[in-house]
N, C-alpha and C. Protein backbone atom coordinates (compact mmCIF):
# COMPACT_ATOMS: atom_id res chain seq x y z
N MET A 1 -103.98 106.79 115.87
CA MET A 1 -105.13 107.33 116.23
C MET A 1 -105.41 107.34 117.77
N LEU A 2 -105.24 106.08 118.48
CA LEU A 2 -105.37 106.01 119.79
C LEU A 2 -104.44 107.10 120.61
N ASP A 3 -103.17 107.40 120.14
CA ASP A 3 -102.53 108.31 120.82
C ASP A 3 -103.00 109.85 120.91
N PHE A 4 -103.85 110.10 119.71
CA PHE A 4 -104.47 111.26 119.72
C PHE A 4 -105.72 111.19 120.69
N VAL A 5 -106.47 110.10 120.64
CA VAL A 5 -107.50 110.20 121.77
C VAL A 5 -107.14 110.31 123.02
N LEU A 6 -106.03 109.50 123.45
CA LEU A 6 -105.36 109.59 124.83
C LEU A 6 -105.09 110.90 125.30
N VAL A 7 -104.42 111.87 124.19
CA VAL A 7 -104.22 113.20 124.53
C VAL A 7 -105.41 114.29 124.71
N ALA A 8 -106.23 114.02 123.65
CA ALA A 8 -107.66 114.68 123.29
C ALA A 8 -108.67 114.41 124.69
N TYR A 9 -108.53 113.24 125.06
CA TYR A 9 -109.82 112.79 125.95
C TYR A 9 -109.77 113.74 127.10
N PRO A 10 -108.53 113.77 127.82
CA PRO A 10 -108.54 114.61 129.03
C PRO A 10 -108.72 116.05 128.76
N LEU A 11 -108.01 116.59 127.62
CA LEU A 11 -108.08 117.89 127.39
C LEU A 11 -109.47 118.19 127.15
N ALA A 12 -110.31 117.41 126.68
CA ALA A 12 -111.92 117.75 126.38
C ALA A 12 -112.60 117.85 127.67
N ASN A 13 -112.27 117.04 128.67
CA ASN A 13 -113.01 116.83 129.97
C ASN A 13 -112.24 118.19 130.60
N GLY A 14 -111.14 118.67 130.40
CA GLY A 14 -110.69 119.74 131.07
C GLY A 14 -111.33 120.92 130.67
N PHE A 15 -111.43 120.97 129.31
CA PHE A 15 -111.99 122.15 128.61
C PHE A 15 -113.50 122.28 128.75
N SER A 16 -114.24 121.16 129.04
CA SER A 16 -115.76 121.08 129.19
C SER A 16 -116.05 121.72 130.44
N ARG A 17 -115.23 121.70 131.58
CA ARG A 17 -115.37 122.45 132.80
C ARG A 17 -115.49 124.02 132.44
N VAL A 18 -114.59 124.47 131.62
CA VAL A 18 -114.31 125.81 131.40
C VAL A 18 -115.58 126.37 130.48
N LEU A 19 -116.00 125.67 129.39
CA LEU A 19 -116.98 125.90 128.49
C LEU A 19 -118.35 125.79 129.24
N GLY A 20 -118.55 124.87 130.19
CA GLY A 20 -119.60 124.63 130.81
C GLY A 20 -119.75 125.93 131.71
N GLY A 21 -118.74 126.48 132.45
CA GLY A 21 -118.91 127.60 133.44
C GLY A 21 -119.26 128.80 132.73
N TRP A 22 -118.71 129.01 131.65
CA TRP A 22 -118.91 130.03 130.75
C TRP A 22 -120.25 130.19 130.07
N ILE A 23 -120.79 128.97 129.70
CA ILE A 23 -122.22 129.14 129.19
C ILE A 23 -123.25 129.08 130.37
N SER A 24 -122.74 128.51 131.51
CA SER A 24 -123.75 128.60 132.63
C SER A 24 -123.85 129.98 133.02
N ASP A 25 -122.67 130.90 133.16
CA ASP A 25 -122.79 132.24 133.36
C ASP A 25 -123.81 132.96 132.62
N ARG A 26 -124.07 132.70 131.38
CA ARG A 26 -124.90 133.18 130.42
C ARG A 26 -126.44 132.90 130.13
N MET A 27 -126.58 131.46 130.39
CA MET A 27 -127.70 130.75 130.14
C MET A 27 -128.41 130.30 131.51
N GLY A 28 -127.67 130.25 132.66
CA GLY A 28 -127.93 129.50 133.82
C GLY A 28 -127.66 128.14 133.90
N ARG A 29 -127.62 127.62 135.26
CA ARG A 29 -126.97 126.29 135.32
C ARG A 29 -127.74 125.35 134.93
N GLN A 30 -129.20 125.32 135.12
CA GLN A 30 -129.88 124.21 134.90
C GLN A 30 -130.10 124.15 133.25
N LEU A 31 -130.26 125.28 132.63
CA LEU A 31 -130.16 125.01 131.25
C LEU A 31 -128.84 124.49 130.60
N THR A 32 -127.79 125.07 131.15
CA THR A 32 -126.68 124.54 130.75
C THR A 32 -126.47 122.93 130.91
N ALA A 33 -126.88 122.62 132.03
CA ALA A 33 -126.78 121.16 132.19
C ALA A 33 -127.76 120.45 131.44
N THR A 34 -128.87 120.80 131.04
CA THR A 34 -130.10 120.29 130.42
C THR A 34 -129.08 120.08 128.91
N LEU A 35 -128.60 121.24 128.28
CA LEU A 35 -127.92 121.10 127.08
C LEU A 35 -126.80 120.31 127.06
N PHE A 36 -125.91 120.25 128.00
CA PHE A 36 -124.73 119.34 128.14
C PHE A 36 -125.12 117.98 128.30
N TYR A 37 -126.01 117.60 129.04
CA TYR A 37 -126.41 116.14 129.25
C TYR A 37 -127.13 115.57 127.87
N THR A 38 -127.93 116.64 127.29
CA THR A 38 -128.54 116.14 125.91
C THR A 38 -127.41 115.98 124.94
N LEU A 39 -126.41 116.70 124.77
CA LEU A 39 -125.33 116.71 123.76
C LEU A 39 -124.42 115.54 124.10
N ALA A 40 -124.15 115.26 125.36
CA ALA A 40 -123.36 114.06 125.69
C ALA A 40 -124.16 112.82 125.67
N GLY A 41 -125.41 112.78 125.59
CA GLY A 41 -126.21 111.58 125.33
C GLY A 41 -126.12 111.36 123.74
N ILE A 42 -126.38 112.46 123.04
CA ILE A 42 -126.20 112.23 121.67
C ILE A 42 -124.95 111.74 121.16
N MET A 43 -123.73 112.34 121.62
CA MET A 43 -122.62 111.84 121.18
C MET A 43 -122.13 110.49 121.74
N MET A 44 -122.70 109.85 122.84
CA MET A 44 -122.63 108.59 123.33
C MET A 44 -123.40 107.73 122.52
N LEU A 45 -124.59 108.02 121.93
CA LEU A 45 -125.45 107.04 121.19
C LEU A 45 -124.68 106.97 119.98
N ALA A 46 -123.95 108.04 119.38
CA ALA A 46 -123.22 108.16 118.23
C ALA A 46 -122.13 107.17 118.17
N LEU A 47 -121.42 107.25 119.47
CA LEU A 47 -120.25 106.55 119.59
C LEU A 47 -120.62 105.02 119.63
N GLY A 48 -121.71 104.83 120.27
CA GLY A 48 -122.07 103.27 120.39
C GLY A 48 -122.42 102.91 118.96
N PHE A 49 -123.03 103.68 118.14
CA PHE A 49 -123.20 102.95 116.65
C PHE A 49 -122.14 102.95 115.80
N THR A 50 -120.84 103.99 116.21
CA THR A 50 -119.77 103.92 115.05
C THR A 50 -118.62 103.56 115.69
N ALA A 51 -118.32 102.94 116.88
CA ALA A 51 -117.33 102.60 117.72
C ALA A 51 -116.22 101.71 117.06
N SER A 52 -116.69 101.02 116.08
CA SER A 52 -116.08 100.11 115.24
C SER A 52 -115.12 100.83 114.17
N ASN A 53 -115.59 102.00 113.94
CA ASN A 53 -114.90 102.85 112.77
C ASN A 53 -113.91 103.90 113.68
N PRO A 54 -112.47 103.62 113.22
CA PRO A 54 -111.66 104.38 114.20
C PRO A 54 -111.74 105.92 114.02
N ILE A 55 -112.23 106.48 113.04
CA ILE A 55 -112.56 107.88 113.03
C ILE A 55 -113.92 108.31 113.94
N GLY A 56 -114.98 107.47 113.75
CA GLY A 56 -116.05 107.63 114.43
C GLY A 56 -115.75 107.47 115.90
N PHE A 57 -115.01 106.41 116.50
CA PHE A 57 -114.58 106.20 117.80
C PHE A 57 -113.87 107.56 118.31
N ALA A 58 -112.88 107.94 117.50
CA ALA A 58 -112.05 109.18 118.07
C ALA A 58 -113.07 110.18 118.21
N SER A 59 -113.59 110.64 117.18
CA SER A 59 -114.56 111.84 117.15
C SER A 59 -115.57 111.99 118.28
N PHE A 60 -116.25 110.77 118.26
CA PHE A 60 -117.34 110.81 119.31
C PHE A 60 -116.84 110.72 120.77
N ILE A 61 -115.98 110.11 120.98
CA ILE A 61 -115.43 109.95 122.51
C ILE A 61 -115.01 111.16 122.93
N ILE A 62 -114.17 112.01 121.90
CA ILE A 62 -113.76 113.12 122.53
C ILE A 62 -114.92 114.21 122.61
N LEU A 63 -115.91 114.06 121.79
CA LEU A 63 -117.11 115.02 121.86
C LEU A 63 -117.86 114.70 122.93
N ALA A 64 -118.22 113.40 123.25
CA ALA A 64 -118.72 112.82 124.48
C ALA A 64 -118.29 113.51 125.60
N MET A 65 -116.88 113.41 125.83
CA MET A 65 -116.18 113.94 127.14
C MET A 65 -116.38 115.50 127.13
N LEU A 66 -116.38 116.17 126.05
CA LEU A 66 -116.32 117.60 125.64
C LEU A 66 -117.81 118.15 126.49
N PHE A 67 -118.81 117.18 126.38
CA PHE A 67 -120.09 117.73 127.03
C PHE A 67 -120.24 116.90 128.57
N SER A 68 -119.45 115.89 128.69
CA SER A 68 -119.70 115.13 130.08
C SER A 68 -118.73 115.87 131.00
N GLY A 69 -117.71 116.24 130.94
CA GLY A 69 -116.89 116.63 132.06
C GLY A 69 -117.64 117.83 132.89
N ALA A 70 -118.28 118.81 132.38
CA ALA A 70 -118.84 119.87 133.09
C ALA A 70 -119.98 119.52 134.03
N VAL A 71 -120.79 118.62 133.59
CA VAL A 71 -121.84 118.11 134.52
C VAL A 71 -121.52 117.75 135.92
N SER A 72 -120.34 117.06 136.01
CA SER A 72 -119.90 116.64 137.49
C SER A 72 -119.38 117.91 138.17
N ALA A 73 -118.84 119.12 137.58
CA ALA A 73 -118.66 120.21 138.14
C ALA A 73 -119.70 120.95 138.49
N PHE A 74 -121.12 120.92 137.87
CA PHE A 74 -122.22 121.49 138.39
C PHE A 74 -122.88 120.99 139.67
N ASN A 75 -122.51 119.78 140.04
CA ASN A 75 -123.26 119.16 141.26
C ASN A 75 -123.26 119.87 142.44
N PRO A 76 -122.08 120.31 142.85
CA PRO A 76 -122.02 120.88 144.03
C PRO A 76 -122.69 122.39 144.06
N ALA A 77 -122.54 123.02 142.98
CA ALA A 77 -123.20 124.23 142.76
C ALA A 77 -124.79 124.04 142.82
N PHE A 78 -125.34 123.02 142.13
CA PHE A 78 -126.64 122.60 142.27
C PHE A 78 -127.09 122.46 143.67
N ILE A 79 -126.47 121.75 144.43
CA ILE A 79 -126.96 121.37 145.73
C ILE A 79 -126.84 122.70 146.54
N GLY A 80 -125.88 123.65 146.52
CA GLY A 80 -126.04 124.89 147.08
C GLY A 80 -127.25 125.76 146.40
N ASP A 81 -127.45 125.75 145.28
CA ASP A 81 -128.75 126.75 144.60
C ASP A 81 -130.00 126.07 145.14
N PHE A 82 -130.09 124.64 145.38
CA PHE A 82 -131.46 123.99 145.66
C PHE A 82 -131.49 124.10 147.35
N TYR A 83 -130.52 124.03 148.08
CA TYR A 83 -130.74 123.58 149.49
C TYR A 83 -129.84 124.54 150.38
N GLY A 84 -129.16 125.61 149.82
CA GLY A 84 -128.40 126.46 150.59
C GLY A 84 -127.21 126.17 150.98
N SER A 85 -126.30 126.76 151.70
CA SER A 85 -125.04 126.57 151.96
C SER A 85 -124.93 125.87 153.46
N LYS A 86 -125.91 126.07 154.06
CA LYS A 86 -125.72 125.59 155.75
C LYS A 86 -125.48 124.09 155.76
N TYR A 87 -126.06 123.16 154.99
CA TYR A 87 -125.69 121.82 155.11
C TYR A 87 -124.84 121.46 153.70
N SER A 88 -124.50 122.38 153.16
CA SER A 88 -123.81 121.68 151.78
C SER A 88 -123.03 120.87 151.66
N THR A 89 -122.24 120.68 152.62
CA THR A 89 -121.11 119.45 152.65
C THR A 89 -121.77 118.29 153.00
N ILE A 90 -122.65 118.27 153.84
CA ILE A 90 -123.31 116.93 154.23
C ILE A 90 -124.31 116.54 153.10
N ASN A 91 -125.03 117.45 152.56
CA ASN A 91 -125.78 117.19 151.03
C ASN A 91 -124.95 116.65 150.01
N TYR A 92 -123.69 117.43 150.03
CA TYR A 92 -122.77 116.96 148.70
C TYR A 92 -122.37 115.41 149.16
N GLY A 93 -121.86 115.15 150.22
CA GLY A 93 -121.51 113.97 150.59
C GLY A 93 -122.48 112.88 150.33
N ILE A 94 -123.83 113.21 150.44
CA ILE A 94 -124.76 112.28 150.17
C ILE A 94 -124.83 111.98 148.73
N THR A 95 -124.80 113.12 147.83
CA THR A 95 -124.72 113.05 146.54
C THR A 95 -123.61 112.30 146.10
N TYR A 96 -122.36 112.47 146.45
CA TYR A 96 -121.15 111.73 145.90
C TYR A 96 -121.31 110.40 146.36
N THR A 97 -122.02 109.97 147.44
CA THR A 97 -122.08 108.65 147.80
C THR A 97 -122.80 107.76 146.86
N ALA A 98 -124.00 108.69 146.52
CA ALA A 98 -124.86 107.92 145.41
C ALA A 98 -124.19 108.10 144.12
N LYS A 99 -123.33 108.86 143.75
CA LYS A 99 -122.38 108.64 142.54
C LYS A 99 -121.55 107.37 142.50
N SER A 100 -120.99 107.08 143.81
CA SER A 100 -120.15 106.01 144.02
C SER A 100 -121.00 104.70 143.86
N TRP A 101 -122.26 104.74 144.46
CA TRP A 101 -123.06 103.38 144.24
C TRP A 101 -123.34 103.18 142.65
N GLY A 102 -123.54 104.51 141.95
CA GLY A 102 -123.82 104.25 140.61
C GLY A 102 -122.67 103.57 139.74
N GLY A 103 -121.62 104.06 140.36
CA GLY A 103 -120.27 103.68 139.51
C GLY A 103 -120.12 102.09 139.81
N LEU A 104 -120.29 101.64 141.13
CA LEU A 104 -120.29 100.29 141.43
C LEU A 104 -121.26 99.48 140.67
N ILE A 105 -122.52 99.94 140.66
CA ILE A 105 -123.61 99.31 139.90
C ILE A 105 -123.34 99.17 138.32
N ALA A 106 -122.97 100.21 137.98
CA ALA A 106 -122.64 100.32 136.35
C ALA A 106 -121.56 99.44 136.09
N GLY A 107 -120.54 99.42 136.88
CA GLY A 107 -119.32 98.25 136.67
C GLY A 107 -120.00 96.99 136.58
N TYR A 108 -120.70 96.48 137.43
CA TYR A 108 -121.33 95.05 137.28
C TYR A 108 -122.28 94.89 136.00
N ALA A 109 -123.06 95.93 135.57
CA ALA A 109 -123.85 95.99 134.48
C ALA A 109 -123.10 95.91 133.39
N THR A 110 -122.07 96.85 133.20
CA THR A 110 -121.19 96.73 131.92
C THR A 110 -120.44 95.39 131.99
N ALA A 111 -119.93 94.87 132.95
CA ALA A 111 -119.20 93.48 132.84
C ALA A 111 -120.30 92.49 132.34
N TRP A 112 -121.78 92.62 132.98
CA TRP A 112 -122.68 91.54 132.37
C TRP A 112 -122.85 91.87 130.77
N LEU A 113 -123.10 93.17 130.41
CA LEU A 113 -123.26 93.30 129.11
C LEU A 113 -122.21 93.01 128.05
N LEU A 114 -121.01 93.12 128.67
CA LEU A 114 -119.74 92.72 127.88
C LEU A 114 -119.64 91.20 127.70
N THR A 115 -119.97 90.66 128.82
CA THR A 115 -120.00 89.01 129.02
C THR A 115 -121.14 88.25 128.05
N THR A 116 -122.10 88.91 128.01
CA THR A 116 -123.31 88.53 127.12
C THR A 116 -123.11 88.97 125.72
N PHE A 117 -122.82 90.19 125.47
CA PHE A 117 -122.85 90.62 124.05
C PHE A 117 -121.38 90.83 123.23
N LYS A 118 -120.34 90.69 124.06
CA LYS A 118 -118.89 90.46 123.74
C LYS A 118 -118.38 91.67 123.03
N ASN A 119 -119.41 92.79 123.43
CA ASN A 119 -118.72 94.27 123.13
C ASN A 119 -119.14 95.13 124.06
N TYR A 120 -118.76 96.52 123.88
CA TYR A 120 -119.24 97.49 124.89
C TYR A 120 -120.52 98.42 124.31
N THR A 121 -120.97 98.02 123.06
CA THR A 121 -121.93 98.92 122.41
C THR A 121 -123.10 99.12 123.33
N TYR A 122 -123.57 97.98 124.06
CA TYR A 122 -124.95 98.30 124.68
C TYR A 122 -124.67 99.01 125.79
N SER A 123 -123.31 99.00 126.58
CA SER A 123 -123.33 99.86 127.50
C SER A 123 -123.11 101.33 127.43
N ILE A 124 -122.32 101.56 126.29
CA ILE A 124 -122.08 102.87 125.69
C ILE A 124 -123.54 103.61 125.35
N ILE A 125 -124.56 102.79 124.63
CA ILE A 125 -125.91 103.03 124.39
C ILE A 125 -126.64 103.32 125.65
N GLY A 126 -126.40 102.46 126.61
CA GLY A 126 -127.12 102.73 127.87
C GLY A 126 -126.47 104.01 128.49
N LEU A 127 -125.23 104.42 128.62
CA LEU A 127 -124.70 105.62 128.97
C LEU A 127 -125.45 106.76 128.17
N GLY A 128 -125.45 106.79 126.96
CA GLY A 128 -126.24 107.76 126.26
C GLY A 128 -127.71 107.89 126.65
N ILE A 129 -128.31 106.91 126.62
CA ILE A 129 -129.83 107.02 127.33
C ILE A 129 -129.89 107.44 128.54
N GLY A 130 -129.18 107.19 129.47
CA GLY A 130 -129.12 107.79 130.87
C GLY A 130 -128.76 109.27 130.89
N ALA A 131 -127.96 109.69 129.89
CA ALA A 131 -127.52 111.07 129.85
C ALA A 131 -128.81 111.83 129.35
N LEU A 132 -129.39 111.37 128.40
CA LEU A 132 -130.70 111.83 127.63
C LEU A 132 -131.74 111.99 128.95
N ILE A 133 -131.83 110.98 129.82
CA ILE A 133 -132.78 111.02 131.04
C ILE A 133 -132.49 111.88 131.86
N ALA A 134 -131.28 112.08 132.29
CA ALA A 134 -130.66 113.29 133.17
C ALA A 134 -130.93 114.55 132.65
N ALA A 135 -130.99 114.75 131.22
CA ALA A 135 -131.34 115.97 130.45
C ALA A 135 -132.61 116.47 130.78
N VAL A 136 -133.72 115.38 130.82
CA VAL A 136 -135.18 115.64 131.06
C VAL A 136 -135.33 116.02 132.48
N LEU A 137 -134.54 115.22 133.32
CA LEU A 137 -134.84 115.39 134.72
C LEU A 137 -134.36 116.73 135.37
N VAL A 138 -133.13 117.21 134.98
CA VAL A 138 -132.70 118.46 135.38
C VAL A 138 -133.32 119.80 134.53
N ASN A 139 -133.81 119.53 133.61
CA ASN A 139 -134.47 120.56 132.84
C ASN A 139 -135.45 121.69 133.92
N PRO A 140 -135.16 122.85 133.84
CA PRO A 140 -135.95 123.69 134.65
C PRO A 140 -137.47 123.71 134.61
N LEU A 141 -137.85 123.18 133.42
CA LEU A 141 -139.44 123.12 133.30
C LEU A 141 -139.94 121.94 134.20
N LEU A 142 -139.09 120.96 134.56
CA LEU A 142 -139.32 119.88 135.47
C LEU A 142 -138.90 119.96 136.80
N LEU A 143 -137.49 120.22 136.96
CA LEU A 143 -137.24 120.37 138.45
C LEU A 143 -137.10 121.76 138.83
N LYS A 144 -137.78 122.01 139.81
CA LYS A 144 -137.99 123.08 140.65
C LYS A 144 -137.25 123.08 141.89
N LYS A 145 -136.73 124.48 142.35
CA LYS A 145 -136.13 124.54 143.43
C LYS A 145 -137.21 124.55 144.54
N PRO A 146 -136.79 123.87 145.69
CA PRO A 146 -137.93 123.56 146.93
C PRO A 146 -137.98 124.98 147.29
N GLY A 147 -139.41 125.16 147.67
CA GLY A 147 -139.94 126.21 148.38
C GLY A 147 -139.46 126.51 149.65
N LYS A 148 -139.53 127.80 150.03
CA LYS A 148 -139.26 128.35 151.54
C LYS A 148 -140.43 127.61 152.30
N LYS A 149 -139.93 126.99 153.52
CA LYS A 149 -140.69 126.76 154.49
C LYS A 149 -141.47 127.66 155.24
N VAL A 150 -142.65 127.82 155.58
CA VAL A 150 -143.31 128.72 156.02
C VAL A 150 -143.69 128.49 157.70
N SER A 151 -143.03 129.30 158.42
CA SER A 151 -143.11 128.92 159.94
C SER A 151 -144.47 129.29 160.46
N LYS A 152 -144.98 128.40 161.19
CA LYS A 152 -146.30 128.59 161.99
C LYS A 152 -146.07 129.24 163.11
N SER A 153 -146.73 130.39 163.33
CA SER A 153 -146.60 131.10 164.77
C SER A 153 -147.71 131.12 165.35
């Protein structure tokens, strides 16, 4: 079972980017990100509750990656959509730095949860909740593109 997961997991990650791009071309980037964050969150929550079952583990970890891989590919495009291309490299660098800090903090939080509870269940559930929060925050009903500045003459 583990060998299947070790092959299917990166394939799902790669296919996620193709699927996300295809859906994004039809629905729009924000709606697609909302959908993918929601589905990834649901799959991570399901993984957290079924991780001790080998079939549940294999199924939900692959499905979680199927919906998680594309969202990181959306970030550079979001930055261009929202702030234009003039400072896109600087803006993306700031965003990527924030992602790095998030990874560092999440590593410590995961280690603490593992040490405290002796399993990864709460870390995985936390990831699922975080993905669902991201789905709400990126939703086009809530997140609007900045307006154009009006020059005063």
